[in-house]
Amino acid sequence: MKSHKRPLILIHGLWNNSNIFKHLIAKLQEQNIEYFAPTLSHKYGKTSIVKLAIDLNQIIIEKYGLEQEIDILGFSMGGIIGNYWISKLDGYKRTIRFISVGSPHNGTLTAQLVPAFLFKGISEMKLNSFLLRELAKDSLFLKDIQCISFFTIWDLMVFPGWKAHLPKGMKISLNVMKHRNLVKQANAINKIIQVLITS
């Protein structure tokens, strides 16, 4: 089988690590798609998304240098980290495709009462947060990137789930009942893989 032309960087979300992608990774391996799934230190939401994106930048540079074209897949908070990296840390210069899975690009009500002085990263995902407003202003950096957003309307972690999408690109609703099942349930994974190999 022909190898996928670009590596896919998998960015996990809050309260999990790269192991959240184990079912997806199995399918990526079946399709001979190169992937890289680093684990970032969220510290239960204390670490800011800005710091996590800076850490991701260093990891990508160490793994692939400065010029290798890549695709990004971010799950939950991972999609916000990926968006920040693309928009603020020059990731747009090398990213061909950005896949967001259940990411609160428009904020989530579940973060509203979380104090910033205790959990900076979580607070940055509040509705109308400064960080999300800044990313919305920088959405032009996504204009030359193929953007695809997966979400579920039944999401109670990123709520409302139907607003968990990027400002541009394809929006695909998945029929799963729990947030984590967006990257764990077979029907969701198969749909993501289908998009990866056909778009």
N, C-alpha and C. Protein backbone atom coordinates (compact mmCIF):
# COMPACT_ATOMS: atom_id res chain seq x y z
N MET A 1 0.84 -1.20 0.00
CA MET A 1 0.00 0.00 0.00
C MET A 1 0.88 1.25 0.00
N LYS A 2 0.53 2.22 -0.77
CA LYS A 2 1.30 3.45 -0.86
C LYS A 2 1.26 4.22 0.46
N SER A 3 2.42 4.71 0.88
CA SER A 3 2.50 5.45 2.15
C SER A 3 1.83 6.81 2.01
N HIS A 4 1.19 7.25 3.11
CA HIS A 4 0.59 8.58 3.15
C HIS A 4 1.69 9.61 2.96
N LYS A 5 1.40 10.68 2.25
CA LYS A 5 2.46 11.60 1.84
C LYS A 5 2.96 12.53 2.93
N ARG A 6 2.18 12.71 4.01
CA ARG A 6 2.61 13.60 5.09
C ARG A 6 2.37 12.93 6.44
N PRO A 7 3.24 13.21 7.42
CA PRO A 7 2.95 12.70 8.77
C PRO A 7 1.77 13.43 9.39
N LEU A 8 1.02 12.71 10.21
CA LEU A 8 -0.14 13.26 10.91
C LEU A 8 0.22 13.41 12.38
N ILE A 9 0.16 14.63 12.89
CA ILE A 9 0.44 14.89 14.30
C ILE A 9 -0.87 14.80 15.08
N LEU A 10 -0.92 13.93 16.08
CA LEU A 10 -2.10 13.74 16.90
C LEU A 10 -1.91 14.48 18.22
N ILE A 11 -2.82 15.41 18.52
CA ILE A 11 -2.72 16.21 19.74
C ILE A 11 -3.89 15.87 20.65
N HIS A 12 -3.58 15.28 21.79
CA HIS A 12 -4.64 14.84 22.71
C HIS A 12 -5.21 16.01 23.51
N GLY A 13 -6.27 15.73 24.24
CA GLY A 13 -6.94 16.75 25.01
C GLY A 13 -6.63 16.69 26.50
N LEU A 14 -7.44 17.39 27.24
CA LEU A 14 -7.30 17.50 28.69
C LEU A 14 -7.65 16.19 29.38
N TRP A 15 -6.95 15.90 30.49
CA TRP A 15 -7.22 14.71 31.32
C TRP A 15 -6.99 13.40 30.58
N ASN A 16 -6.20 13.45 29.50
CA ASN A 16 -5.78 12.21 28.86
C ASN A 16 -4.40 12.40 28.25
N ASN A 17 -3.88 11.38 27.64
CA ASN A 17 -2.59 11.45 26.99
C ASN A 17 -2.70 10.82 25.61
N SER A 18 -1.57 10.57 24.96
CA SER A 18 -1.62 10.07 23.59
C SER A 18 -2.29 8.70 23.48
N ASN A 19 -2.42 8.00 24.60
CA ASN A 19 -3.08 6.70 24.58
C ASN A 19 -4.56 6.79 24.19
N ILE A 20 -5.14 7.98 24.30
CA ILE A 20 -6.54 8.17 23.90
C ILE A 20 -6.74 7.82 22.42
N PHE A 21 -5.65 7.86 21.66
CA PHE A 21 -5.72 7.62 20.22
C PHE A 21 -5.44 6.17 19.83
N LYS A 22 -5.37 5.25 20.78
CA LYS A 22 -4.90 3.90 20.45
C LYS A 22 -5.76 3.22 19.40
N HIS A 23 -7.09 3.41 19.45
CA HIS A 23 -7.96 2.79 18.45
C HIS A 23 -7.79 3.45 17.08
N LEU A 24 -7.64 4.76 17.10
CA LEU A 24 -7.40 5.49 15.85
C LEU A 24 -6.05 5.10 15.27
N ILE A 25 -5.04 4.99 16.12
CA ILE A 25 -3.70 4.62 15.66
C ILE A 25 -3.69 3.26 14.99
N ALA A 26 -4.46 2.32 15.53
CA ALA A 26 -4.54 1.00 14.91
C ALA A 26 -5.02 1.09 13.47
N LYS A 27 -6.00 1.97 13.25
CA LYS A 27 -6.52 2.17 11.89
C LYS A 27 -5.52 2.92 11.00
N LEU A 28 -4.80 3.87 11.59
CA LEU A 28 -3.77 4.58 10.83
C LEU A 28 -2.70 3.61 10.35
N GLN A 29 -2.33 2.68 11.21
CA GLN A 29 -1.32 1.69 10.85
C GLN A 29 -1.82 0.79 9.73
N GLU A 30 -3.09 0.42 9.77
CA GLU A 30 -3.67 -0.39 8.70
C GLU A 30 -3.58 0.31 7.36
N GLN A 31 -3.73 1.63 7.38
CA GLN A 31 -3.70 2.43 6.15
C GLN A 31 -2.30 2.94 5.80
N ASN A 32 -1.32 2.52 6.59
CA ASN A 32 0.08 2.94 6.35
C ASN A 32 0.24 4.46 6.38
N ILE A 33 -0.49 5.10 7.30
CA ILE A 33 -0.40 6.54 7.48
C ILE A 33 0.59 6.83 8.60
N GLU A 34 1.62 7.58 8.29
CA GLU A 34 2.60 7.94 9.32
C GLU A 34 1.96 8.89 10.32
N TYR A 35 2.22 8.65 11.59
CA TYR A 35 1.65 9.50 12.63
C TYR A 35 2.69 9.75 13.72
N PHE A 36 2.44 10.77 14.50
CA PHE A 36 3.26 11.09 15.67
C PHE A 36 2.33 11.59 16.75
N ALA A 37 2.34 10.94 17.91
CA ALA A 37 1.39 11.26 18.98
C ALA A 37 2.14 11.56 20.28
N PRO A 38 2.62 12.79 20.42
CA PRO A 38 3.31 13.16 21.67
C PRO A 38 2.33 13.34 22.81
N THR A 39 2.82 13.20 24.03
CA THR A 39 2.02 13.48 25.22
C THR A 39 2.46 14.82 25.79
N LEU A 40 1.50 15.72 25.99
CA LEU A 40 1.77 17.05 26.54
C LEU A 40 1.38 17.08 28.02
N SER A 41 2.03 17.94 28.77
CA SER A 41 1.80 18.02 30.21
C SER A 41 0.77 19.11 30.52
N HIS A 42 -0.49 18.71 30.61
CA HIS A 42 -1.58 19.66 30.88
C HIS A 42 -1.67 20.05 32.36
N LYS A 43 -1.15 19.19 33.23
CA LYS A 43 -1.24 19.40 34.69
C LYS A 43 -2.69 19.66 35.11
N TYR A 44 -3.58 18.77 34.64
CA TYR A 44 -5.01 18.81 35.00
C TYR A 44 -5.70 20.11 34.59
N GLY A 45 -5.14 20.80 33.61
CA GLY A 45 -5.74 22.05 33.15
C GLY A 45 -5.07 23.29 33.68
N LYS A 46 -4.00 23.12 34.47
CA LYS A 46 -3.29 24.27 35.01
C LYS A 46 -2.39 24.94 33.96
N THR A 47 -1.86 24.14 33.04
CA THR A 47 -0.96 24.67 32.02
C THR A 47 -1.75 25.41 30.95
N SER A 48 -1.30 26.60 30.59
CA SER A 48 -2.01 27.39 29.60
C SER A 48 -1.88 26.76 28.21
N ILE A 49 -2.86 27.02 27.38
CA ILE A 49 -2.83 26.54 26.00
C ILE A 49 -1.65 27.13 25.26
N VAL A 50 -1.30 28.36 25.58
CA VAL A 50 -0.14 29.01 24.95
C VAL A 50 1.13 28.20 25.23
N LYS A 51 1.35 27.84 26.50
CA LYS A 51 2.53 27.05 26.87
C LYS A 51 2.50 25.68 26.20
N LEU A 52 1.35 25.06 26.14
CA LEU A 52 1.24 23.75 25.51
C LEU A 52 1.57 23.84 24.02
N ALA A 53 1.13 24.91 23.37
CA ALA A 53 1.43 25.09 21.94
C ALA A 53 2.92 25.32 21.72
N ILE A 54 3.54 26.06 22.63
CA ILE A 54 5.00 26.29 22.54
C ILE A 54 5.74 24.97 22.73
N ASP A 55 5.28 24.16 23.68
CA ASP A 55 5.89 22.83 23.88
C ASP A 55 5.71 21.97 22.63
N LEU A 56 4.52 22.01 22.05
CA LEU A 56 4.26 21.25 20.83
C LEU A 56 5.18 21.69 19.71
N ASN A 57 5.37 22.99 19.58
CA ASN A 57 6.24 23.52 18.54
C ASN A 57 7.64 22.94 18.64
N GLN A 58 8.18 22.91 19.86
CA GLN A 58 9.52 22.37 20.06
C GLN A 58 9.58 20.89 19.72
N ILE A 59 8.54 20.16 20.11
CA ILE A 59 8.48 18.72 19.82
C ILE A 59 8.44 18.46 18.32
N ILE A 60 7.63 19.24 17.60
CA ILE A 60 7.53 19.07 16.14
C ILE A 60 8.86 19.39 15.48
N ILE A 61 9.51 20.46 15.91
CA ILE A 61 10.80 20.83 15.33
C ILE A 61 11.84 19.75 15.58
N GLU A 62 11.86 19.21 16.78
CA GLU A 62 12.82 18.16 17.11
C GLU A 62 12.56 16.90 16.27
N LYS A 63 11.30 16.62 15.98
CA LYS A 63 10.95 15.41 15.24
C LYS A 63 11.08 15.58 13.73
N TYR A 64 10.64 16.73 13.22
CA TYR A 64 10.52 16.90 11.77
C TYR A 64 11.27 18.10 11.20
N GLY A 65 12.00 18.82 12.03
CA GLY A 65 12.70 19.99 11.53
C GLY A 65 11.76 21.16 11.32
N LEU A 66 12.19 22.10 10.49
CA LEU A 66 11.45 23.35 10.31
C LEU A 66 10.59 23.40 9.05
N GLU A 67 10.79 22.48 8.12
CA GLU A 67 10.15 22.63 6.82
C GLU A 67 9.24 21.48 6.42
N GLN A 68 9.31 20.34 7.06
CA GLN A 68 8.48 19.20 6.69
C GLN A 68 6.99 19.55 6.74
N GLU A 69 6.28 19.34 5.65
CA GLU A 69 4.84 19.55 5.64
C GLU A 69 4.16 18.48 6.48
N ILE A 70 3.12 18.89 7.21
CA ILE A 70 2.44 17.97 8.11
C ILE A 70 0.93 18.20 8.06
N ASP A 71 0.20 17.23 8.60
CA ASP A 71 -1.21 17.39 8.91
C ASP A 71 -1.37 17.38 10.43
N ILE A 72 -2.39 18.05 10.92
CA ILE A 72 -2.66 18.12 12.36
C ILE A 72 -4.05 17.53 12.63
N LEU A 73 -4.13 16.69 13.66
CA LEU A 73 -5.43 16.25 14.18
C LEU A 73 -5.44 16.53 15.67
N GLY A 74 -6.34 17.40 16.08
CA GLY A 74 -6.44 17.76 17.49
C GLY A 74 -7.77 17.32 18.07
N PHE A 75 -7.70 16.58 19.17
CA PHE A 75 -8.92 16.16 19.87
C PHE A 75 -9.16 17.05 21.08
N SER A 76 -10.39 17.55 21.22
CA SER A 76 -10.79 18.35 22.38
C SER A 76 -9.86 19.56 22.52
N MET A 77 -9.27 19.77 23.70
CA MET A 77 -8.33 20.89 23.87
C MET A 77 -7.20 20.82 22.85
N GLY A 78 -6.87 19.61 22.38
CA GLY A 78 -5.81 19.47 21.39
C GLY A 78 -6.07 20.25 20.12
N GLY A 79 -7.35 20.42 19.76
CA GLY A 79 -7.68 21.22 18.59
C GLY A 79 -7.39 22.70 18.80
N ILE A 80 -7.58 23.16 20.02
CA ILE A 80 -7.26 24.56 20.33
C ILE A 80 -5.74 24.77 20.35
N ILE A 81 -5.02 23.81 20.92
CA ILE A 81 -3.56 23.87 20.91
C ILE A 81 -3.05 23.89 19.47
N GLY A 82 -3.62 23.02 18.63
CA GLY A 82 -3.23 23.00 17.23
C GLY A 82 -3.53 24.30 16.52
N ASN A 83 -4.69 24.87 16.79
CA ASN A 83 -5.08 26.13 16.17
C ASN A 83 -4.13 27.25 16.58
N TYR A 84 -3.77 27.26 17.87
CA TYR A 84 -2.83 28.29 18.34
C TYR A 84 -1.48 28.11 17.65
N TRP A 85 -1.01 26.87 17.58
CA TRP A 85 0.27 26.61 16.93
C TRP A 85 0.26 27.06 15.47
N ILE A 86 -0.82 26.76 14.78
CA ILE A 86 -0.94 27.15 13.38
C ILE A 86 -0.95 28.67 13.23
N SER A 87 -1.74 29.35 14.04
CA SER A 87 -1.99 30.79 13.87
C SER A 87 -0.91 31.67 14.48
N LYS A 88 -0.37 31.25 15.61
CA LYS A 88 0.53 32.12 16.37
C LYS A 88 2.00 31.71 16.30
N LEU A 89 2.27 30.47 15.94
CA LEU A 89 3.66 29.97 15.95
C LEU A 89 4.10 29.51 14.56
N ASP A 90 3.51 30.11 13.54
CA ASP A 90 3.89 29.89 12.14
C ASP A 90 3.60 28.49 11.63
N GLY A 91 2.75 27.75 12.33
CA GLY A 91 2.40 26.43 11.85
C GLY A 91 1.68 26.45 10.51
N TYR A 92 1.02 27.57 10.19
CA TYR A 92 0.30 27.68 8.93
C TYR A 92 1.23 27.55 7.72
N LYS A 93 2.51 27.80 7.93
CA LYS A 93 3.46 27.75 6.83
C LYS A 93 3.73 26.31 6.37
N ARG A 94 3.41 25.33 7.22
CA ARG A 94 3.76 23.95 6.88
C ARG A 94 2.59 22.98 7.04
N THR A 95 1.45 23.47 7.53
CA THR A 95 0.29 22.61 7.73
C THR A 95 -0.57 22.57 6.47
N ILE A 96 -0.84 21.37 5.99
CA ILE A 96 -1.66 21.20 4.79
C ILE A 96 -3.12 20.96 5.17
N ARG A 97 -3.33 20.16 6.22
CA ARG A 97 -4.68 19.79 6.63
C ARG A 97 -4.78 19.87 8.15
N PHE A 98 -5.87 20.45 8.64
CA PHE A 98 -6.12 20.59 10.07
C PHE A 98 -7.47 19.95 10.38
N ILE A 99 -7.41 18.86 11.14
CA ILE A 99 -8.62 18.13 11.51
C ILE A 99 -8.89 18.37 12.99
N SER A 100 -10.04 18.91 13.28
CA SER A 100 -10.46 19.20 14.65
C SER A 100 -11.54 18.19 15.04
N VAL A 101 -11.38 17.57 16.21
CA VAL A 101 -12.34 16.56 16.67
C VAL A 101 -12.86 16.96 18.05
N GLY A 102 -14.09 17.42 18.11
CA GLY A 102 -14.70 17.79 19.39
C GLY A 102 -13.96 18.89 20.13
N SER A 103 -13.50 19.89 19.41
CA SER A 103 -12.71 20.98 20.02
C SER A 103 -13.55 22.24 20.22
N PRO A 104 -13.45 22.87 21.39
CA PRO A 104 -14.31 24.03 21.71
C PRO A 104 -13.79 25.33 21.12
N HIS A 105 -13.76 25.43 19.79
CA HIS A 105 -13.26 26.64 19.15
C HIS A 105 -14.13 27.86 19.46
N ASN A 106 -15.37 27.61 19.82
CA ASN A 106 -16.28 28.69 20.22
C ASN A 106 -16.52 28.70 21.73
N GLY A 107 -15.68 27.96 22.46
CA GLY A 107 -15.83 27.89 23.91
C GLY A 107 -16.77 26.78 24.35
N THR A 108 -16.73 26.50 25.63
CA THR A 108 -17.63 25.49 26.20
C THR A 108 -18.19 25.97 27.53
N LEU A 109 -19.46 25.77 27.73
CA LEU A 109 -20.11 26.19 28.98
C LEU A 109 -19.54 25.46 30.20
N THR A 110 -18.97 24.27 29.99
CA THR A 110 -18.44 23.51 31.12
C THR A 110 -17.20 24.18 31.73
N ALA A 111 -16.61 25.15 31.05
CA ALA A 111 -15.44 25.85 31.58
C ALA A 111 -15.79 27.17 32.26
N GLN A 112 -17.04 27.59 32.19
CA GLN A 112 -17.40 28.95 32.58
C GLN A 112 -17.08 29.30 34.02
N LEU A 113 -17.23 28.38 34.94
CA LEU A 113 -17.04 28.69 36.35
C LEU A 113 -15.66 28.32 36.87
N VAL A 114 -14.78 27.92 35.97
CA VAL A 114 -13.43 27.51 36.38
C VAL A 114 -12.54 28.75 36.55
N PRO A 115 -11.92 28.93 37.73
CA PRO A 115 -11.11 30.12 37.96
C PRO A 115 -9.77 30.05 37.22
N ALA A 116 -9.42 31.15 36.57
CA ALA A 116 -8.19 31.19 35.77
C ALA A 116 -6.94 31.05 36.62
N PHE A 117 -6.97 31.55 37.85
CA PHE A 117 -5.76 31.51 38.68
C PHE A 117 -5.42 30.09 39.12
N LEU A 118 -6.38 29.18 39.05
CA LEU A 118 -6.13 27.78 39.39
C LEU A 118 -5.92 26.91 38.15
N PHE A 119 -6.74 27.12 37.14
CA PHE A 119 -6.72 26.27 35.95
C PHE A 119 -6.72 27.14 34.70
N LYS A 120 -5.55 27.67 34.39
CA LYS A 120 -5.41 28.59 33.27
C LYS A 120 -5.87 27.98 31.96
N GLY A 121 -5.42 26.74 31.69
CA GLY A 121 -5.76 26.10 30.42
C GLY A 121 -7.25 25.90 30.24
N ILE A 122 -7.92 25.45 31.29
CA ILE A 122 -9.37 25.25 31.20
C ILE A 122 -10.08 26.59 31.00
N SER A 123 -9.66 27.60 31.74
CA SER A 123 -10.33 28.90 31.65
C SER A 123 -10.20 29.53 30.27
N GLU A 124 -9.16 29.17 29.54
CA GLU A 124 -8.97 29.71 28.20
C GLU A 124 -9.98 29.13 27.20
N MET A 125 -10.74 28.13 27.64
CA MET A 125 -11.77 27.55 26.77
C MET A 125 -13.17 28.03 27.13
N LYS A 126 -13.27 29.06 27.96
CA LYS A 126 -14.56 29.65 28.28
C LYS A 126 -15.16 30.34 27.05
N LEU A 127 -16.47 30.45 27.03
CA LEU A 127 -17.11 31.23 25.98
C LEU A 127 -16.56 32.64 25.99
N ASN A 128 -16.18 33.11 24.82
CA ASN A 128 -15.71 34.49 24.65
C ASN A 128 -14.41 34.77 25.42
N SER A 129 -13.59 33.76 25.67
CA SER A 129 -12.31 33.99 26.34
C SER A 129 -11.40 34.83 25.45
N PHE A 130 -10.43 35.50 26.07
CA PHE A 130 -9.49 36.32 25.32
C PHE A 130 -8.76 35.48 24.28
N LEU A 131 -8.30 34.30 24.67
CA LEU A 131 -7.54 33.46 23.75
C LEU A 131 -8.39 33.05 22.55
N LEU A 132 -9.62 32.64 22.77
CA LEU A 132 -10.47 32.23 21.66
C LEU A 132 -10.83 33.40 20.76
N ARG A 133 -11.00 34.57 21.35
CA ARG A 133 -11.25 35.77 20.53
C ARG A 133 -10.04 36.08 19.64
N GLU A 134 -8.85 35.93 20.20
CA GLU A 134 -7.63 36.17 19.43
C GLU A 134 -7.49 35.17 18.28
N LEU A 135 -7.81 33.92 18.55
CA LEU A 135 -7.73 32.92 17.49
C LEU A 135 -8.77 33.19 16.41
N ALA A 136 -9.94 33.65 16.80
CA ALA A 136 -10.98 33.99 15.82
C ALA A 136 -10.50 35.12 14.90
N LYS A 137 -9.81 36.11 15.49
CA LYS A 137 -9.27 37.21 14.69
C LYS A 137 -8.23 36.71 13.69
N ASP A 138 -7.50 35.65 14.09
CA ASP A 138 -6.42 35.14 13.25
C ASP A 138 -6.87 34.01 12.33
N SER A 139 -8.17 33.86 12.14
CA SER A 139 -8.66 32.75 11.34
C SER A 139 -8.21 32.83 9.88
N LEU A 140 -7.74 33.99 9.44
CA LEU A 140 -7.21 34.10 8.08
C LEU A 140 -6.01 33.19 7.86
N PHE A 141 -5.32 32.84 8.94
CA PHE A 141 -4.19 31.93 8.81
C PHE A 141 -4.63 30.53 8.40
N LEU A 142 -5.91 30.26 8.50
CA LEU A 142 -6.44 28.95 8.10
C LEU A 142 -6.89 28.91 6.65
N LYS A 143 -6.84 30.05 5.96
CA LYS A 143 -7.49 30.16 4.65
C LYS A 143 -6.90 29.21 3.61
N ASP A 144 -5.61 28.90 3.70
CA ASP A 144 -4.97 28.03 2.72
C ASP A 144 -4.81 26.60 3.23
N ILE A 145 -5.41 26.31 4.37
CA ILE A 145 -5.33 24.99 4.98
C ILE A 145 -6.66 24.28 4.80
N GLN A 146 -6.62 23.01 4.47
CA GLN A 146 -7.85 22.22 4.39
C GLN A 146 -8.32 21.92 5.81
N CYS A 147 -9.42 22.50 6.22
CA CYS A 147 -9.94 22.34 7.59
C CYS A 147 -11.16 21.42 7.59
N ILE A 148 -11.17 20.49 8.54
CA ILE A 148 -12.28 19.57 8.71
C ILE A 148 -12.60 19.47 10.19
N SER A 149 -13.85 19.69 10.56
CA SER A 149 -14.26 19.63 11.97
C SER A 149 -15.24 18.49 12.19
N PHE A 150 -14.91 17.60 13.13
CA PHE A 150 -15.82 16.55 13.57
C PHE A 150 -16.37 16.93 14.94
N PHE A 151 -17.64 16.65 15.17
CA PHE A 151 -18.24 16.98 16.46
C PHE A 151 -19.43 16.06 16.69
N THR A 152 -19.96 16.06 17.91
CA THR A 152 -21.21 15.38 18.18
C THR A 152 -22.16 16.34 18.90
N ILE A 153 -23.39 16.34 18.50
CA ILE A 153 -24.37 17.23 19.13
C ILE A 153 -24.69 16.76 20.56
N TRP A 154 -24.28 15.54 20.90
CA TRP A 154 -24.56 14.98 22.22
C TRP A 154 -23.42 15.23 23.20
N ASP A 155 -22.47 16.05 22.82
CA ASP A 155 -21.29 16.29 23.65
C ASP A 155 -21.66 17.12 24.89
N LEU A 156 -21.35 16.60 26.07
CA LEU A 156 -21.59 17.33 27.32
C LEU A 156 -20.31 17.90 27.91
N MET A 157 -19.16 17.51 27.35
CA MET A 157 -17.89 18.07 27.79
C MET A 157 -17.60 19.37 27.05
N VAL A 158 -17.78 19.34 25.75
CA VAL A 158 -17.70 20.55 24.93
C VAL A 158 -19.14 20.90 24.56
N PHE A 159 -19.67 21.87 25.27
CA PHE A 159 -21.11 22.17 25.16
C PHE A 159 -21.33 23.65 24.85
N PRO A 160 -22.14 23.98 23.85
CA PRO A 160 -22.91 23.07 23.01
C PRO A 160 -22.05 22.41 21.93
N GLY A 161 -22.24 21.09 21.79
CA GLY A 161 -21.42 20.31 20.89
C GLY A 161 -21.52 20.73 19.44
N TRP A 162 -22.67 21.23 19.03
CA TRP A 162 -22.87 21.59 17.62
C TRP A 162 -22.09 22.85 17.23
N LYS A 163 -21.47 23.51 18.22
CA LYS A 163 -20.65 24.69 17.90
C LYS A 163 -19.16 24.37 17.98
N ALA A 164 -18.83 23.09 18.12
CA ALA A 164 -17.43 22.68 18.25
C ALA A 164 -16.80 22.48 16.87
N HIS A 165 -16.62 23.59 16.16
CA HIS A 165 -16.06 23.51 14.83
C HIS A 165 -15.23 24.74 14.51
N LEU A 166 -14.36 24.60 13.55
CA LEU A 166 -13.54 25.71 13.07
C LEU A 166 -14.38 26.69 12.25
N PRO A 167 -13.89 27.92 12.07
CA PRO A 167 -14.69 28.91 11.32
C PRO A 167 -14.74 28.66 9.82
N LYS A 168 -13.98 27.71 9.33
CA LYS A 168 -14.02 27.40 7.90
C LYS A 168 -13.88 25.90 7.71
N GLY A 169 -14.20 25.45 6.51
CA GLY A 169 -14.00 24.06 6.15
C GLY A 169 -15.21 23.18 6.40
N MET A 170 -15.04 21.89 6.13
CA MET A 170 -16.10 20.90 6.25
C MET A 170 -16.45 20.66 7.72
N LYS A 171 -17.73 20.52 8.02
CA LYS A 171 -18.21 20.23 9.37
C LYS A 171 -19.00 18.92 9.33
N ILE A 172 -18.57 17.94 10.15
CA ILE A 172 -19.15 16.60 10.10
C ILE A 172 -19.63 16.20 11.49
N SER A 173 -20.93 15.95 11.60
CA SER A 173 -21.52 15.51 12.86
C SER A 173 -21.41 13.99 12.97
N LEU A 174 -20.89 13.50 14.10
CA LEU A 174 -20.75 12.07 14.34
C LEU A 174 -21.79 11.61 15.35
N ASN A 175 -22.36 10.45 15.12
CA ASN A 175 -23.42 9.94 15.98
C ASN A 175 -22.82 9.13 17.14
N VAL A 176 -22.23 9.85 18.09
CA VAL A 176 -21.71 9.22 19.31
C VAL A 176 -22.25 9.98 20.51
N MET A 177 -22.33 9.31 21.65
CA MET A 177 -23.00 9.88 22.81
C MET A 177 -22.07 10.51 23.84
N LYS A 178 -20.78 10.20 23.77
CA LYS A 178 -19.85 10.73 24.75
C LYS A 178 -18.67 11.40 24.06
N HIS A 179 -18.12 12.41 24.71
CA HIS A 179 -17.00 13.18 24.17
C HIS A 179 -15.84 12.28 23.75
N ARG A 180 -15.38 11.42 24.66
CA ARG A 180 -14.23 10.56 24.38
C ARG A 180 -14.50 9.60 23.23
N ASN A 181 -15.76 9.26 22.99
CA ASN A 181 -16.08 8.31 21.93
C ASN A 181 -15.83 8.88 20.54
N LEU A 182 -15.60 10.18 20.44
CA LEU A 182 -15.24 10.78 19.16
C LEU A 182 -13.95 10.18 18.61
N VAL A 183 -13.06 9.72 19.50
CA VAL A 183 -11.81 9.10 19.04
C VAL A 183 -11.67 7.66 19.54
N LYS A 184 -12.77 7.10 20.05
CA LYS A 184 -12.72 5.74 20.56
C LYS A 184 -13.72 4.80 19.90
N GLN A 185 -14.86 5.33 19.51
CA GLN A 185 -15.93 4.49 18.96
C GLN A 185 -15.67 4.19 17.49
N ALA A 186 -15.95 2.95 17.10
CA ALA A 186 -15.59 2.47 15.76
C ALA A 186 -16.19 3.30 14.63
N ASN A 187 -17.48 3.66 14.74
CA ASN A 187 -18.10 4.40 13.63
C ASN A 187 -17.48 5.78 13.47
N ALA A 188 -17.07 6.40 14.58
CA ALA A 188 -16.42 7.71 14.49
C ALA A 188 -15.03 7.59 13.88
N ILE A 189 -14.27 6.61 14.36
CA ILE A 189 -12.91 6.40 13.85
C ILE A 189 -12.94 6.08 12.35
N ASN A 190 -13.87 5.25 11.93
CA ASN A 190 -13.96 4.89 10.52
C ASN A 190 -14.26 6.11 9.65
N LYS A 191 -15.10 7.02 10.15
CA LYS A 191 -15.41 8.23 9.39
C LYS A 191 -14.19 9.14 9.29
N ILE A 192 -13.44 9.26 10.37
CA ILE A 192 -12.22 10.09 10.35
C ILE A 192 -11.23 9.50 9.37
N ILE A 193 -11.04 8.18 9.41
CA ILE A 193 -10.10 7.52 8.49
C ILE A 193 -10.55 7.70 7.04
N GLN A 194 -11.83 7.58 6.82
CA GLN A 194 -12.35 7.77 5.46
C GLN A 194 -12.00 9.15 4.91
N VAL A 195 -12.15 10.16 5.75
CA VAL A 195 -11.80 11.52 5.32
C VAL A 195 -10.31 11.64 5.10
N LEU A 196 -9.52 11.03 5.95
CA LEU A 196 -8.06 11.10 5.82
C LEU A 196 -7.57 10.51 4.49
N ILE A 197 -8.18 9.43 4.07
CA ILE A 197 -7.67 8.74 2.89
C ILE A 197 -8.31 9.20 1.58
N THR A 198 -9.39 9.97 1.68
CA THR A 198 -10.09 10.38 0.46
C THR A 198 -10.00 11.87 0.17
N SER A 199 -9.63 12.66 1.17
CA SER A 199 -9.62 14.13 0.94
C SER A 199 -8.21 14.65 0.75
